[in-house]
Amino acid sequence: MKKILTALIVLALASLACSITTGLSANQQALMTLPTASSTASSTALSPTAPAARIVCAEHLNLRAEAGVNAAIVAVLTADTAVTPTGETIERDGSAWAKVTVVGLAGWLNAQYLCQ
């Protein structure tokens, strides 16, 4: 676990140093460097009762504080970012929303942009 956290920190710092992204907070830029599902699949073991990990299918997807298109944006996730659903879902604004966690943050994503 310590090696994974160290690798995440190194990846986040390297990406921030090279980032040309403007208009995003440092927290949002750091989240855009999260490991992808393919880079973590072999090193992450899930318990039998844990929700299945999902990945972001959209180029950029807003992680929101609440379910809905008008809720505050917590972070912007990029394609192939691995997230863990909490199992909580809600229908709002004509879409299904799923509550997820990603690197210690919790928020809501439009469920149609999550893939297996």
Protein backbone atom coordinates (compact mmCIF):
# COMPACT_ATOMS: atom_id res chain seq x y z
CA MET A 1 0.00 0.00 0.00
CA LYS A 2 2.87 2.36 0.82
CA LYS A 3 4.41 1.75 -2.61
CA ILE A 4 1.08 2.53 -4.29
CA LEU A 5 0.68 5.79 -2.35
CA THR A 6 4.26 6.81 -3.16
CA ALA A 7 3.67 6.08 -6.84
CA LEU A 8 0.46 8.12 -6.79
CA ILE A 9 2.24 11.09 -5.23
CA VAL A 10 5.09 10.90 -7.76
CA LEU A 11 2.63 10.68 -10.66
CA ALA A 12 0.59 13.59 -9.35
CA LEU A 13 3.64 15.81 -8.85
CA ALA A 14 5.11 14.95 -12.25
CA SER A 15 1.84 15.64 -13.98
CA LEU A 16 1.34 18.93 -12.17
CA ALA A 17 4.83 20.06 -13.11
CA CYS A 18 4.13 19.38 -16.79
CA SER A 19 0.51 20.46 -16.83
CA ILE A 20 -0.60 23.13 -19.25
CA THR A 21 -4.20 22.92 -18.06
CA THR A 22 -5.62 26.31 -17.14
CA GLY A 23 -8.70 27.22 -15.15
CA LEU A 24 -8.53 24.18 -12.86
CA SER A 25 -7.63 24.18 -9.19
CA ALA A 26 -4.53 22.29 -8.05
CA ASN A 27 -6.82 19.63 -6.54
CA GLN A 28 -8.61 19.13 -9.85
CA GLN A 29 -5.30 18.94 -11.74
CA ALA A 30 -3.97 16.36 -9.27
CA LEU A 31 -7.08 14.21 -9.72
CA MET A 32 -6.58 14.22 -13.47
CA THR A 33 -3.39 12.18 -12.89
CA LEU A 34 -5.04 9.31 -11.06
CA PRO A 35 -4.00 5.80 -12.04
CA THR A 36 -6.04 4.16 -14.74
CA ALA A 37 -7.89 0.92 -14.31
CA SER A 38 -5.31 -0.91 -16.41
CA SER A 39 -2.41 0.33 -14.26
CA THR A 40 -4.04 -0.70 -10.97
CA ALA A 41 -6.00 -3.82 -11.86
CA SER A 42 -3.25 -6.29 -11.00
CA SER A 43 -2.21 -4.63 -7.74
CA THR A 44 -5.63 -3.91 -6.19
CA ALA A 45 -7.54 -6.68 -4.49
CA LEU A 46 -11.24 -6.13 -3.78
CA SER A 47 -13.09 -7.91 -1.03
CA PRO A 48 -16.05 -10.06 -2.14
CA THR A 49 -18.50 -7.53 -0.66
CA ALA A 50 -16.89 -4.40 -2.10
CA PRO A 51 -18.61 -2.70 -5.05
CA ALA A 52 -16.90 -3.46 -8.35
CA ALA A 53 -14.45 -0.80 -9.49
CA ARG A 54 -15.57 1.15 -12.54
CA ILE A 55 -13.71 3.41 -14.95
CA VAL A 56 -14.60 6.77 -16.46
CA CYS A 57 -15.60 6.44 -20.15
CA ALA A 58 -15.77 10.17 -20.98
CA GLU A 59 -12.78 12.31 -21.94
CA HIS A 60 -13.52 14.54 -18.92
CA LEU A 61 -16.17 13.89 -16.27
CA ASN A 62 -17.17 16.19 -13.42
CA LEU A 63 -17.18 14.68 -9.94
CA ARG A 64 -19.92 16.64 -8.18
CA ALA A 65 -20.66 17.35 -4.51
CA GLU A 66 -24.31 16.31 -5.00
CA ALA A 67 -26.20 14.47 -7.71
CA GLY A 68 -27.29 16.81 -10.51
CA VAL A 69 -25.96 19.02 -13.27
CA ASN A 70 -26.10 22.16 -11.12
CA ALA A 71 -24.17 20.76 -8.14
CA ALA A 72 -20.70 22.08 -7.31
CA ILE A 73 -17.80 20.41 -9.12
CA VAL A 74 -15.40 18.69 -6.71
CA ALA A 75 -12.94 17.52 -9.37
CA VAL A 76 -12.60 16.78 -13.07
CA LEU A 77 -11.71 13.17 -13.87
CA THR A 78 -10.22 11.97 -17.14
CA ALA A 79 -10.94 8.88 -19.21
CA ASP A 80 -9.86 5.55 -17.69
CA THR A 81 -9.76 6.95 -14.13
CA ALA A 82 -10.68 4.15 -11.72
CA VAL A 83 -13.50 4.93 -9.26
CA THR A 84 -15.27 2.86 -6.61
CA PRO A 85 -19.07 3.05 -6.49
CA THR A 86 -20.58 3.20 -2.99
CA GLY A 87 -23.73 1.45 -4.21
CA GLU A 88 -25.85 4.57 -3.76
CA THR A 89 -27.67 5.82 -6.88
CA ILE A 90 -30.29 8.48 -7.53
CA GLU A 91 -32.32 9.69 -10.51
CA ARG A 92 -32.03 13.45 -11.05
CA ASP A 93 -32.15 15.84 -14.02
CA GLY A 94 -33.24 12.98 -16.27
CA SER A 95 -30.12 10.91 -15.54
CA ALA A 96 -28.97 8.21 -13.15
CA TRP A 97 -26.24 9.42 -10.78
CA ALA A 98 -23.84 7.14 -8.89
CA LYS A 99 -22.02 8.04 -5.70
CA VAL A 100 -18.33 7.08 -5.94
CA THR A 101 -15.05 7.45 -4.13
CA VAL A 102 -11.73 8.22 -5.75
CA VAL A 103 -8.47 8.72 -3.82
CA GLY A 104 -10.28 9.64 -0.62
CA LEU A 105 -12.82 11.97 -2.23
CA ALA A 106 -16.51 11.16 -2.45
CA GLY A 107 -18.89 12.61 -4.99
CA TRP A 108 -21.47 11.96 -7.67
CA LEU A 109 -20.97 11.06 -11.34
CA ASN A 110 -23.47 10.74 -14.16
CA ALA A 111 -23.68 6.93 -14.32
CA GLN A 112 -23.93 6.77 -18.13
CA TYR A 113 -20.23 7.73 -18.32
CA LEU A 114 -19.03 4.81 -16.18
CA CYS A 115 -17.83 1.60 -17.84
CA GLN A 116 -16.80 -1.78 -16.50
